[in-house]
PDB file of N, CA and C in Angstrom:
ATOM      1  N   MET A   1       0.730  -1.162   0.122  1.00  0.00           N
ATOM      2  CA  MET A   1       0.032   0.001  -0.030  1.00  0.00           C
ATOM      3  C   MET A   1       0.905   1.370   0.019  1.00  0.00           C
ATOM      4  N   TYR A   2       0.279   2.264  -0.573  1.00  0.00           N
ATOM      5  CA  TYR A   2       1.129   3.472  -0.706  1.00  0.00           C
ATOM      6  C   TYR A   2       0.320   4.451  -0.050  1.00  0.00           C
ATOM      7  N   SER A   3       0.914   5.606   0.618  1.00  0.00           N
ATOM      8  CA  SER A   3       0.205   6.563   1.403  1.00  0.00           C
ATOM      9  C   SER A   3      -0.238   7.537   0.529  1.00  0.00           C
ATOM     10  N   LYS A   4      -1.295   8.358   1.069  1.00  0.00           N
ATOM     11  CA  LYS A   4      -1.834   9.296  -0.089  1.00  0.00           C
ATOM     12  C   LYS A   4      -0.571  10.370  -0.554  1.00  0.00           C
ATOM     13  N   GLU A   5       0.189  10.670   0.312  1.00  0.00           N
ATOM     14  CA  GLU A   5       1.274  11.477  -0.286  1.00  0.00           C
ATOM     15  C   GLU A   5       2.239  10.905  -1.325  1.00  0.00           C
ATOM     16  N   GLN A   6       2.320   9.548  -1.072  1.00  0.00           N
ATOM     17  CA  GLN A   6       3.169   8.960  -2.336  1.00  0.00           C
ATOM     18  C   GLN A   6       2.493   9.080  -3.659  1.00  0.00           C
ATOM     19  N   LYS A   7       1.207   8.715  -3.350  1.00  0.00           N
ATOM     20  CA  LYS A   7       0.303   8.653  -4.434  1.00  0.00           C
ATOM     21  C   LYS A   7       0.304  10.079  -4.953  1.00  0.00           C
ATOM     22  N   ASP A   8       0.055  11.144  -4.312  1.00  0.00           N
ATOM     23  CA  ASP A   8      -0.078  12.406  -4.770  1.00  0.00           C
ATOM     24  C   ASP A   8       1.479  12.915  -5.499  1.00  0.00           C
ATOM     25  N   ILE A   9       2.429  12.392  -5.008  1.00  0.00           N
ATOM     26  CA  ILE A   9       3.954  12.878  -5.583  1.00  0.00           C
ATOM     27  C   ILE A   9       3.908  12.028  -6.853  1.00  0.00           C
ATOM     28  N   ALA A  10       3.622  10.814  -6.785  1.00  0.00           N
ATOM     29  CA  ALA A  10       3.528   9.967  -8.194  1.00  0.00           C
ATOM     30  C   ALA A  10       2.826  10.604  -9.289  1.00  0.00           C
ATOM     31  N   LEU A  11       1.632  11.124  -8.903  1.00  0.00           N
ATOM     32  CA  LEU A  11       0.611  11.806  -9.930  1.00  0.00           C
ATOM     33  C   LEU A  11       1.081  13.285 -10.334  1.00  0.00           C
ATOM     34  N   ARG A  12       1.785  13.924  -9.446  1.00  0.00           N
ATOM     35  CA  ARG A  12       2.471  15.160  -9.794  1.00  0.00           C
ATOM     36  C   ARG A  12       3.461  14.901 -10.844  1.00  0.00           C
ATOM     37  N   ILE A  13       4.338  14.199 -10.672  1.00  0.00           N
ATOM     38  CA  ILE A  13       5.477  13.689 -11.452  1.00  0.00           C
ATOM     39  C   ILE A  13       4.743  13.262 -12.701  1.00  0.00           C
ATOM     40  N   TYR A  14       3.904  12.388 -12.763  1.00  0.00           N
ATOM     41  CA  TYR A  14       3.206  12.023 -14.175  1.00  0.00           C
ATOM     42  C   TYR A  14       2.624  12.986 -14.713  1.00  0.00           C
ATOM     43  N   HIS A  15       2.185  14.007 -14.240  1.00  0.00           N
ATOM     44  CA  HIS A  15       1.731  15.125 -15.034  1.00  0.00           C
ATOM     45  C   HIS A  15       2.688  16.038 -15.535  1.00  0.00           C
ATOM     46  N   GLN A  16       3.928  15.987 -14.819  1.00  0.00           N
ATOM     47  CA  GLN A  16       5.149  16.642 -15.364  1.00  0.00           C
ATOM     48  C   GLN A  16       5.697  16.126 -16.404  1.00  0.00           C
ATOM     49  N   THR A  17       5.898  14.907 -16.233  1.00  0.00           N
ATOM     50  CA  THR A  17       6.795  14.162 -17.492  1.00  0.00           C
ATOM     51  C   THR A  17       5.665  13.779 -18.558  1.00  0.00           C
ATOM     52  N   GLU A  18       4.276  13.421 -18.175  1.00  0.00           N
ATOM     53  CA  GLU A  18       3.517  12.872 -19.077  1.00  0.00           C
ATOM     54  C   GLU A  18       3.757  11.381 -19.495  1.00  0.00           C
ATOM     55  N   SER A  19       4.566  10.468 -18.685  1.00  0.00           N
ATOM     56  CA  SER A  19       4.915   9.319 -19.007  1.00  0.00           C
ATOM     57  C   SER A  19       5.074   8.359 -17.538  1.00  0.00           C
ATOM     58  N   VAL A  20       4.075   7.475 -17.956  1.00  0.00           N
ATOM     59  CA  VAL A  20       4.240   6.332 -16.704  1.00  0.00           C
ATOM     60  C   VAL A  20       5.602   5.682 -16.550  1.00  0.00           C
ATOM     61  N   THR A  21       6.290   5.403 -17.493  1.00  0.00           N
ATOM     62  CA  THR A  21       7.535   4.587 -17.446  1.00  0.00           C
ATOM     63  C   THR A  21       8.620   5.677 -16.848  1.00  0.00           C
ATOM     64  N   GLU A  22       8.704   6.968 -16.975  1.00  0.00           N
ATOM     65  CA  GLU A  22       9.257   7.830 -16.489  1.00  0.00           C
ATOM     66  C   GLU A  22       9.139   8.094 -14.991  1.00  0.00           C
ATOM     67  N   THR A  23       7.847   8.344 -14.894  1.00  0.00           N
ATOM     68  CA  THR A  23       7.584   8.414 -13.461  1.00  0.00           C
ATOM     69  C   THR A  23       8.077   7.251 -12.681  1.00  0.00           C
ATOM     70  N   ILE A  24       7.714   6.185 -13.010  1.00  0.00           N
ATOM     71  CA  ILE A  24       8.260   4.852 -12.171  1.00  0.00           C
ATOM     72  C   ILE A  24       9.844   4.825 -12.178  1.00  0.00           C
ATOM     73  N   ARG A  25      10.529   5.125 -13.316  1.00  0.00           N
ATOM     74  CA  ARG A  25      12.056   5.210 -13.186  1.00  0.00           C
ATOM     75  C   ARG A  25      12.510   6.450 -12.140  1.00  0.00           C
ATOM     76  N   ILE A  26      11.848   7.394 -12.223  1.00  0.00           N
ATOM     77  CA  ILE A  26      12.226   8.418 -11.283  1.00  0.00           C
ATOM     78  C   ILE A  26      11.948   7.998  -9.812  1.00  0.00           C
ATOM     79  N   LEU A  27      10.773   7.530  -9.689  1.00  0.00           N
ATOM     80  CA  LEU A  27      10.393   7.289  -8.034  1.00  0.00           C
ATOM     81  C   LEU A  27      11.020   6.019  -7.585  1.00  0.00           C
ATOM     82  N   GLY A  28      10.857   4.960  -8.532  1.00  0.00           N
ATOM     83  CA  GLY A  28      11.206   3.538  -8.144  1.00  0.00           C
ATOM     84  C   GLY A  28       9.931   2.900  -7.482  1.00  0.00           C
ATOM     85  N   TYR A  29       8.878   3.630  -7.658  1.00  0.00           N
ATOM     86  CA  TYR A  29       7.588   3.096  -7.108  1.00  0.00           C
ATOM     87  C   TYR A  29       6.578   3.903  -8.178  1.00  0.00           C
ATOM     88  N   PRO A  30       5.497   3.516  -8.233  1.00  0.00           N
ATOM     89  CA  PRO A  30       4.505   2.471  -7.930  1.00  0.00           C
ATOM     90  C   PRO A  30       4.697   1.359  -9.059  1.00  0.00           C
ATOM     91  N   THR A  31       3.837   0.316  -9.135  1.00  0.00           N
ATOM     92  CA  THR A  31       3.791  -0.456 -10.305  1.00  0.00           C
ATOM     93  C   THR A  31       2.974   0.239 -11.358  1.00  0.00           C
ATOM     94  N   ARG A  32       3.184  -0.259 -12.423  1.00  0.00           N
ATOM     95  CA  ARG A  32       2.456   0.302 -13.648  1.00  0.00           C
ATOM     96  C   ARG A  32       1.058   0.407 -13.731  1.00  0.00           C
ATOM     97  N   ARG A  33       0.489  -0.832 -13.035  1.00  0.00           N
ATOM     98  CA  ARG A  33      -0.826  -1.070 -12.801  1.00  0.00           C
ATOM     99  C   ARG A  33      -1.608  -0.062 -11.839  1.00  0.00           C
ATOM    100  N   ASN A  34      -0.707   0.083 -10.736  1.00  0.00           N
ATOM    101  CA  ASN A  34      -1.062   0.952  -9.671  1.00  0.00           C
ATOM    102  C   ASN A  34      -1.106   2.504 -10.299  1.00  0.00           C
ATOM    103  N   LEU A  35      -0.254   2.831 -11.164  1.00  0.00           N
ATOM    104  CA  LEU A  35      -0.189   4.212 -11.416  1.00  0.00           C
ATOM    105  C   LEU A  35      -1.285   4.664 -12.504  1.00  0.00           C
ATOM    106  N   TYR A  36      -1.428   3.418 -13.243  1.00  0.00           N
ATOM    107  CA  TYR A  36      -2.676   3.494 -14.376  1.00  0.00           C
ATOM    108  C   TYR A  36      -3.850   3.666 -13.433  1.00  0.00           C
ATOM    109  N   THR A  37      -4.138   2.842 -12.355  1.00  0.00           N
ATOM    110  CA  THR A  37      -5.375   2.863 -11.696  1.00  0.00           C
ATOM    111  C   THR A  37      -5.543   4.515 -10.987  1.00  0.00           C
ATOM    112  N   TRP A  38      -4.458   4.744 -10.598  1.00  0.00           N
ATOM    113  CA  TRP A  38      -4.646   6.247  -9.830  1.00  0.00           C
ATOM    114  C   TRP A  38      -4.998   7.115 -10.891  1.00  0.00           C
ATOM    115  N   ILE A  39      -4.483   7.260 -12.063  1.00  0.00           N
ATOM    116  CA  ILE A  39      -4.576   8.393 -13.121  1.00  0.00           C
ATOM    117  C   ILE A  39      -5.955   8.030 -13.370  1.00  0.00           C
ATOM    118  N   ALA A  40      -6.627   6.678 -13.678  1.00  0.00           N
ATOM    119  CA  ALA A  40      -8.108   6.789 -13.786  1.00  0.00           C
ATOM    120  C   ALA A  40      -8.909   7.256 -12.750  1.00  0.00           C
ATOM    121  N   GLU A  41      -8.629   6.933 -11.558  1.00  0.00           N
ATOM    122  CA  GLU A  41      -9.407   7.380 -10.270  1.00  0.00           C
ATOM    123  C   GLU A  41      -9.472   8.959 -10.348  1.00  0.00           C
ATOM    124  N   GLU A  42      -8.123   9.506 -10.583  1.00  0.00           N
ATOM    125  CA  GLU A  42      -8.254  10.964 -10.577  1.00  0.00           C
ATOM    126  C   GLU A  42      -9.180  11.770 -11.497  1.00  0.00           C
ATOM    127  N   ASN A  43      -9.536  10.886 -12.976  1.00  0.00           N
ATOM    128  CA  ASN A  43     -10.508  11.612 -13.545  1.00  0.00           C
ATOM    129  C   ASN A  43     -11.845  11.246 -13.450  1.00  0.00           C
ATOM    130  N   THR A  44     -12.188  10.187 -12.413  1.00  0.00           N
ATOM    131  CA  THR A  44     -13.413   9.780 -12.320  1.00  0.00           C
ATOM    132  C   THR A  44     -14.303  10.629 -10.959  1.00  0.00           C
ATOM    133  N   PRO A  45     -15.419  11.294 -11.355  1.00  0.00           N
ATOM    134  CA  PRO A  45     -15.819  11.843 -10.032  1.00  0.00           C
ATOM    135  C   PRO A  45     -16.351  10.836  -9.023  1.00  0.00           C
ATOM    136  N   PRO A  46     -15.984  11.322  -7.758  1.00  0.00           N
ATOM    137  CA  PRO A  46     -16.584  10.402  -6.732  1.00  0.00           C
ATOM    138  C   PRO A  46     -18.021   9.873  -6.667  1.00  0.00           C
ATOM    139  N   LYS A  47     -18.394   8.809  -6.484  1.00  0.00           N
ATOM    140  CA  LYS A  47     -19.737   8.302  -6.440  1.00  0.00           C
ATOM    141  C   LYS A  47     -20.495   8.856  -5.135  1.00  0.00           C
ATOM    142  N   THR A  48     -21.817   9.565  -5.705  1.00  0.00           N
ATOM    143  CA  THR A  48     -22.557   9.897  -4.643  1.00  0.00           C
ATOM    144  C   THR A  48     -23.783   8.886  -4.265  1.00  0.00           C
ATOM    145  N   ARG A  49     -24.067   8.725  -3.078  1.00  0.00           N
ATOM    146  CA  ARG A  49     -25.122   7.549  -2.758  1.00  0.00           C
ATOM    147  C   ARG A  49     -26.323   8.410  -2.892  1.00  0.00           C
ATOM    148  N   LYS A  50     -27.557   7.561  -3.125  1.00  0.00           N
ATOM    149  CA  LYS A  50     -28.729   8.207  -3.332  1.00  0.00           C
ATOM    150  C   LYS A  50     -29.185   8.365  -1.779  1.00  0.00           C
ATOM    151  N   GLU A  51     -29.975   9.735  -1.804  1.00  0.00           N
ATOM    152  CA  GLU A  51     -30.570   9.766  -0.483  1.00  0.00           C
ATOM    153  C   GLU A  51     -31.803   9.412  -0.432  1.00  0.00           C
ATOM    154  N   TYR A  52     -32.106   8.754   0.818  1.00  0.00           N
ATOM    155  CA  TYR A  52     -33.530   8.437   0.878  1.00  0.00           C
ATOM    156  C   TYR A  52     -34.107   9.119   2.146  1.00  0.00           C
ATOM    157  N   PRO A  53     -35.483   9.430   2.131  1.00  0.00           N
ATOM    158  CA  PRO A  53     -36.235  10.008   3.167  1.00  0.00           C
ATOM    159  C   PRO A  53     -36.031   9.132   4.335  1.00  0.00           C
ATOM    160  N   VAL A  54     -36.015  10.154   5.255  1.00  0.00           N
ATOM    161  CA  VAL A  54     -36.210   9.498   6.736  1.00  0.00           C
ATOM    162  C   VAL A  54     -37.562   9.208   6.933  1.00  0.00           C
ATOM    163  N   ILE A  55     -37.970   8.282   7.197  1.00  0.00           N
ATOM    164  CA  ILE A  55     -39.579   7.555   7.789  1.00  0.00           C
ATOM    165  C   ILE A  55     -39.602   7.793   9.281  1.00  0.00           C
ATOM    166  N   ASP A  56     -40.309   8.555   9.711  1.00  0.00           N
ATOM    167  CA  ASP A  56     -40.632   8.632  11.072  1.00  0.00           C
ATOM    168  C   ASP A  56     -41.918   8.260  11.510  1.00  0.00           C
ATOM    169  N   ASN A  57     -42.551   7.174  12.196  1.00  0.00           N
ATOM    170  CA  ASN A  57     -43.635   6.791  12.436  1.00  0.00           C
ATOM    171  C   ASN A  57     -44.441   7.692  13.023  1.00  0.00           C
ATOM    172  N   PRO A  58     -45.564   8.193  12.810  1.00  0.00           N
ATOM    173  CA  PRO A  58     -46.286   9.062  13.798  1.00  0.00           C
ATOM    174  C   PRO A  58     -46.991   8.360  14.748  1.00  0.00           C
ATOM    175  N   PRO A  59     -47.420   9.169  15.803  1.00  0.00           N
ATOM    176  CA  PRO A  59     -48.132   8.414  16.828  1.00  0.00           C
ATOM    177  C   PRO A  59     -49.244   7.393  16.733  1.00  0.00           C
ATOM    178  N   ASP A  60     -50.055   7.952  15.320  1.00  0.00           N
ATOM    179  CA  ASP A  60     -51.083   7.057  15.081  1.00  0.00           C
ATOM    180  C   ASP A  60     -50.826   5.974  13.980  1.00  0.00           C
ATOM    181  N   HIS A  61     -49.691   5.645  13.974  1.00  0.00           N
ATOM    182  CA  HIS A  61     -49.039   4.650  13.255  1.00  0.00           C
ATOM    183  C   HIS A  61     -48.110   3.453  14.161  1.00  0.00           C
ATOM    184  N   PRO A  62     -48.910   2.685  14.580  1.00  0.00           N
ATOM    185  CA  PRO A  62     -48.404   1.574  15.542  1.00  0.00           C
ATOM    186  C   PRO A  62     -47.210   0.851  15.020  1.00  0.00           C
ATOM    187  N   ARG A  63     -46.219   0.570  15.680  1.00  0.00           N
ATOM    188  CA  ARG A  63     -45.073  -0.358  15.096  1.00  0.00           C
ATOM    189  C   ARG A  63     -45.676  -1.797  14.923  1.00  0.00           C
ATOM    190  N   ASN A  64     -46.645  -2.358  15.765  1.00  0.00           N
ATOM    191  CA  ASN A  64     -47.325  -3.395  15.247  1.00  0.00           C
ATOM    192  C   ASN A  64     -48.623  -3.298  14.916  1.00  0.00           C
ATOM    193  N   PRO A  65     -48.961  -3.412  13.583  1.00  0.00           N
ATOM    194  CA  PRO A  65     -50.416  -3.040  13.351  1.00  0.00           C
ATOM    195  C   PRO A  65     -51.292  -4.051  13.491  1.00  0.00           C
ATOM    196  N   PRO A  66     -52.751  -3.651  13.739  1.00  0.00           N
ATOM    197  CA  PRO A  66     -53.579  -4.592  14.028  1.00  0.00           C
ATOM    198  C   PRO A  66     -53.875  -5.527  13.172  1.00  0.00           C
ATOM    199  N   LEU A  67     -54.555  -6.848  13.594  1.00  0.00           N
ATOM    200  CA  LEU A  67     -54.805  -8.164  12.703  1.00  0.00           C
ATOM    201  C   LEU A  67     -55.434  -7.516  11.439  1.00  0.00           C
ATOM    202  N   GLU A  68     -56.357  -6.804  11.664  1.00  0.00           N
ATOM    203  CA  GLU A  68     -57.182  -6.316  10.283  1.00  0.00           C
ATOM    204  C   GLU A  68     -56.434  -5.732   9.326  1.00  0.00           C
ATOM    205  N   VAL A  69     -55.148  -4.871   9.721  1.00  0.00           N
ATOM    206  CA  VAL A  69     -54.476  -4.234   8.773  1.00  0.00           C
ATOM    207  C   VAL A  69     -53.716  -5.380   8.036  1.00  0.00           C
ATOM    208  N   LYS A  70     -53.246  -6.313   8.729  1.00  0.00           N
ATOM    209  CA  LYS A  70     -52.415  -7.306   8.238  1.00  0.00           C
ATOM    210  C   LYS A  70     -53.256  -8.241   7.120  1.00  0.00           C
ATOM    211  N   LEU A  71     -54.252  -8.615   7.685  1.00  0.00           N
ATOM    212  CA  LEU A  71     -55.126  -9.385   6.539  1.00  0.00           C
ATOM    213  C   LEU A  71     -55.712  -8.811   5.572  1.00  0.00           C
ATOM    214  N   ASN A  72     -56.006  -7.463   5.796  1.00  0.00           N
ATOM    215  CA  ASN A  72     -56.421  -6.584   4.509  1.00  0.00           C
ATOM    216  C   ASN A  72     -55.230  -6.419   3.367  1.00  0.00           C
ATOM    217  N   ALA A  73     -54.176  -6.371   4.089  1.00  0.00           N
ATOM    218  CA  ALA A  73     -52.757  -6.261   3.069  1.00  0.00           C
ATOM    219  C   ALA A  73     -52.743  -7.468   2.250  1.00  0.00           C
ATOM    220  N   ILE A  74     -52.671  -8.519   3.221  1.00  0.00           N
ATOM    221  CA  ILE A  74     -52.715 -10.086   2.387  1.00  0.00           C
ATOM    222  C   ILE A  74     -53.468 -10.246   1.285  1.00  0.00           C
ATOM    223  N   HIS A  75     -54.922  -9.892   1.767  1.00  0.00           N
ATOM    224  CA  HIS A  75     -56.024  -9.987   0.814  1.00  0.00           C
ATOM    225  C   HIS A  75     -55.795  -9.212  -0.348  1.00  0.00           C
ATOM    226  N   ARG A  76     -55.431  -7.927  -0.334  1.00  0.00           N
ATOM    227  CA  ARG A  76     -55.329  -6.957  -1.161  1.00  0.00           C
ATOM    228  C   ARG A  76     -54.180  -7.492  -2.484  1.00  0.00           C
ATOM    229  N   CYS A  77     -52.974  -8.120  -1.693  1.00  0.00           N
ATOM    230  CA  CYS A  77     -51.789  -8.231  -2.659  1.00  0.00           C
ATOM    231  C   CYS A  77     -52.240  -9.767  -3.216  1.00  0.00           C
ATOM    232  N   TYR A  78     -52.500 -10.820  -2.338  1.00  0.00           N
ATOM    233  CA  TYR A  78     -52.585 -12.158  -2.778  1.00  0.00           C
ATOM    234  C   TYR A  78     -53.774 -12.569  -3.371  1.00  0.00           C
ATOM    235  N   GLU A  79     -55.104 -11.956  -3.221  1.00  0.00           N
ATOM    236  CA  GLU A  79     -56.212 -12.531  -3.630  1.00  0.00           C
ATOM    237  C   GLU A  79     -56.686 -11.504  -4.701  1.00  0.00           C
ATOM    238  N   LEU A  80     -56.846  -9.946  -4.549  1.00  0.00           N
ATOM    239  CA  LEU A  80     -57.089  -9.246  -5.633  1.00  0.00           C
ATOM    240  C   LEU A  80     -56.039  -8.863  -6.666  1.00  0.00           C
ATOM    241  N   GLY A  81     -54.735  -9.011  -6.154  1.00  0.00           N
ATOM    242  CA  GLY A  81     -53.579  -9.059  -7.118  1.00  0.00           C
ATOM    243  C   GLY A  81     -52.881  -7.637  -7.326  1.00  0.00           C
ATOM    244  N   GLU A  82     -53.390  -6.911  -6.203  1.00  0.00           N
ATOM    245  CA  GLU A  82     -52.699  -5.421  -6.091  1.00  0.00           C
ATOM    246  C   GLU A  82     -51.196  -5.559  -6.170  1.00  0.00           C
ATOM    247  N   ASN A  83     -50.426  -4.592  -6.555  1.00  0.00           N
ATOM    248  CA  ASN A  83     -49.239  -4.520  -6.362  1.00  0.00           C
ATOM    249  C   ASN A  83     -48.304  -4.253  -5.192  1.00  0.00           C
ATOM    250  N   ILE A  84     -47.747  -5.082  -4.498  1.00  0.00           N
ATOM    251  CA  ILE A  84     -47.298  -5.004  -3.024  1.00  0.00           C
ATOM    252  C   ILE A  84     -46.530  -3.689  -2.805  1.00  0.00           C
ATOM    253  N   LYS A  85     -45.781  -3.164  -3.607  1.00  0.00           N
ATOM    254  CA  LYS A  85     -45.423  -2.026  -3.453  1.00  0.00           C
ATOM    255  C   LYS A  85     -46.482  -0.824  -3.283  1.00  0.00           C
ATOM    256  N   TYR A  86     -47.243  -0.861  -3.995  1.00  0.00           N
ATOM    257  CA  TYR A  86     -48.732   0.230  -3.955  1.00  0.00           C
ATOM    258  C   TYR A  86     -49.433   0.126  -2.485  1.00  0.00           C
ATOM    259  N   VAL A  87     -49.568  -1.218  -2.245  1.00  0.00           N
ATOM    260  CA  VAL A  87     -50.287  -1.429  -1.001  1.00  0.00           C
ATOM    261  C   VAL A  87     -49.291  -1.104   0.160  1.00  0.00           C
ATOM    262  N   SER A  88     -48.159  -1.348   0.140  1.00  0.00           N
ATOM    263  CA  SER A  88     -47.414  -1.069   1.389  1.00  0.00           C
ATOM    264  C   SER A  88     -47.157   0.330   1.556  1.00  0.00           C
ATOM    265  N   GLU A  89     -47.124   1.211   0.450  1.00  0.00           N
ATOM    266  CA  GLU A  89     -47.175   2.729   0.429  1.00  0.00           C
ATOM    267  C   GLU A  89     -48.442   2.998   1.132  1.00  0.00           C
ATOM    268  N   ASP A  90     -49.734   2.653   0.714  1.00  0.00           N
ATOM    269  CA  ASP A  90     -50.814   2.775   1.060  1.00  0.00           C
ATOM    270  C   ASP A  90     -51.122   2.721   2.552  1.00  0.00           C
ATOM    271  N   ILE A  91     -50.665   1.466   2.981  1.00  0.00           N
ATOM    272  CA  ILE A  91     -50.877   1.216   4.621  1.00  0.00           C
ATOM    273  C   ILE A  91     -49.887   1.852   5.326  1.00  0.00           C
ATOM    274  N   GLY A  92     -48.596   2.094   4.806  1.00  0.00           N
ATOM    275  CA  GLY A  92     -47.514   2.660   5.573  1.00  0.00           C
ATOM    276  C   GLY A  92     -46.539   1.560   6.326  1.00  0.00           C
ATOM    277  N   TYR A  93     -46.488   0.534   5.686  1.00  0.00           N
ATOM    278  CA  TYR A  93     -45.759  -0.607   6.292  1.00  0.00           C
ATOM    279  C   TYR A  93     -44.809  -0.943   5.045  1.00  0.00           C
ATOM    280  N   SER A  94     -43.753  -1.524   5.523  1.00  0.00           N
ATOM    281  CA  SER A  94     -42.650  -2.084   4.168  1.00  0.00           C
ATOM    282  C   SER A  94     -43.358  -3.179   3.542  1.00  0.00           C
ATOM    283  N   ARG A  95     -42.871  -3.595   2.202  1.00  0.00           N
ATOM    284  CA  ARG A  95     -43.097  -4.641   1.474  1.00  0.00           C
ATOM    285  C   ARG A  95     -42.631  -6.075   2.372  1.00  0.00           C
ATOM    286  N   ALA A  96     -41.463  -5.840   2.913  1.00  0.00           N
ATOM    287  CA  ALA A  96     -40.853  -6.935   3.769  1.00  0.00           C
ATOM    288  C   ALA A  96     -41.897  -7.322   4.795  1.00  0.00           C
ATOM    289  N   SER A  97     -42.679  -6.443   5.599  1.00  0.00           N
ATOM    290  CA  SER A  97     -43.522  -6.684   6.279  1.00  0.00           C
ATOM    291  C   SER A  97     -44.844  -7.447   5.741  1.00  0.00           C
ATOM    292  N   ILE A  98     -45.400  -6.976   4.686  1.00  0.00           N
ATOM    293  CA  ILE A  98     -46.438  -7.794   3.869  1.00  0.00           C
ATOM    294  C   ILE A  98     -45.675  -9.186   3.612  1.00  0.00           C
ATOM    295  N   TYR A  99     -44.584  -9.416   3.227  1.00  0.00           N
ATOM    296  CA  TYR A  99     -44.009 -10.757   2.777  1.00  0.00           C
ATOM    297  C   TYR A  99     -44.113 -11.626   3.921  1.00  0.00           C
ATOM    298  N   GLN A 100     -43.580 -10.976   4.999  1.00  0.00           N
ATOM    299  CA  GLN A 100     -43.680 -11.803   6.292  1.00  0.00           C
ATOM    300  C   GLN A 100     -44.941 -12.146   6.946  1.00  0.00           C
ATOM    301  N   TRP A 101     -45.742 -11.148   6.856  1.00  0.00           N
ATOM    302  CA  TRP A 101     -47.172 -11.614   7.319  1.00  0.00           C
ATOM    303  C   TRP A 101     -47.741 -12.717   6.435  1.00  0.00           C
ATOM    304  N   ARG A 102     -47.674 -12.661   5.201  1.00  0.00           N
ATOM    305  CA  ARG A 102     -48.194 -13.749   4.457  1.00  0.00           C
ATOM    306  C   ARG A 102     -47.457 -15.195   4.639  1.00  0.00           C
ATOM    307  N   LYS A 103     -46.243 -15.192   4.985  1.00  0.00           N
ATOM    308  CA  LYS A 103     -45.311 -16.271   5.317  1.00  0.00           C
ATOM    309  C   LYS A 103     -45.833 -16.853   6.716  1.00  0.00           C
ATOM    310  N   ARG A 104     -46.283 -15.880   7.598  1.00  0.00           N
ATOM    311  CA  ARG A 104     -46.697 -16.425   8.828  1.00  0.00           C
ATOM    312  C   ARG A 104     -48.223 -16.804   8.685  1.00  0.00           C
ATOM    313  N   TYR A 105     -48.897 -16.331   7.916  1.00  0.00           N
ATOM    314  CA  TYR A 105     -50.350 -16.617   7.582  1.00  0.00           C
ATOM    315  C   TYR A 105     -50.338 -17.996   7.091  1.00  0.00           C
ATOM    316  N   LEU A 106     -49.519 -18.352   6.209  1.00  0.00           N
ATOM    317  CA  LEU A 106     -49.642 -19.698   5.482  1.00  0.00           C
ATOM    318  C   LEU A 106     -49.337 -20.650   6.345  1.00  0.00           C
ATOM    319  N   LYS A 107     -47.986 -20.284   7.245  1.00  0.00           N
ATOM    320  CA  LYS A 107     -47.374 -21.347   8.135  1.00  0.00           C
ATOM    321  C   LYS A 107     -48.426 -21.627   9.231  1.00  0.00           C
ATOM    322  N   GLU A 108     -48.991 -20.417   9.971  1.00  0.00           N
ATOM    323  CA  GLU A 108     -49.716 -20.611  11.488  1.00  0.00           C
ATOM    324  C   GLU A 108     -51.227 -20.001  11.240  1.00  0.00           C
ATOM    325  N   GLY A 109     -51.753 -19.679  10.069  1.00  0.00           N
ATOM    326  CA  GLY A 109     -52.971 -19.070  10.110  1.00  0.00           C
ATOM    327  C   GLY A 109     -53.127 -17.703  10.755  1.00  0.00           C
ATOM    328  N   THR A 110     -54.445 -17.391  10.968  1.00  0.00           N
ATOM    329  CA  THR A 110     -54.602 -16.079  11.731  1.00  0.00           C
ATOM    330  C   THR A 110     -53.729 -15.855  13.175  1.00  0.00           C
ATOM    331  N   LEU A 111     -53.853 -16.946  13.770  1.00  0.00           N
ATOM    332  CA  LEU A 111     -53.257 -16.950  15.140  1.00  0.00           C
ATOM    333  C   LEU A 111     -51.581 -16.309  14.994  1.00  0.00           C
ATOM    334  N   GLY A 112     -50.862 -16.638  13.969  1.00  0.00           N
ATOM    335  CA  GLY A 112     -49.580 -16.286  13.536  1.00  0.00           C
ATOM    336  C   GLY A 112     -49.380 -14.816  13.263  1.00  0.00           C
ATOM    337  N   LEU A 113     -50.551 -14.309  12.846  1.00  0.00           N
ATOM    338  CA  LEU A 113     -50.548 -12.736  12.633  1.00  0.00           C
ATOM    339  C   LEU A 113     -50.891 -11.697  13.854  1.00  0.00           C
ATOM    340  N   MET A 114     -51.358 -12.214  15.173  1.00  0.00           N
ATOM    341  CA  MET A 114     -51.568 -11.652  16.171  1.00  0.00           C
ATOM    342  C   MET A 114     -50.588 -11.219  16.722  1.00  0.00           C
ATOM    343  N   ASN A 115     -50.656 -10.077  17.588  1.00  0.00           N
ATOM    344  CA  ASN A 115     -49.384  -9.542  18.035  1.00  0.00           C
ATOM    345  C   ASN A 115     -49.212 -10.082  19.151  1.00  0.00           C
ATOM    346  N   HIS A 116     -48.007 -10.273  19.717  1.00  0.00           N
ATOM    347  CA  HIS A 116     -47.768 -11.224  20.930  1.00  0.00           C
ATOM    348  C   HIS A 116     -47.416 -10.165  21.851  1.00  0.00           C
TER     349      HIS A 116
END
């Protein structure tokens, strides 16, 4: 591994000489592959992460929804054929929750959906 300072020096000399071979001959480091990688990284803008909104449940939105909400979501998605994404946005719970509710419902029936 090379330090940031070594990398900066190598890039500065490369820009002065405009030669990978000459840069390596002068410094004695880095490898050709490393220098080419550093040059490519230098011209690539840093990746920005997509920002997601922070979802904060209001007081009237319980962490554990009532049985009726769960059964209604399962009915809408798996019997009426509504899109799970739209149903989850409509009821305010994640798609993963709906999948989990269905799995429990198939395994344990209505009792599996009741809040413990």
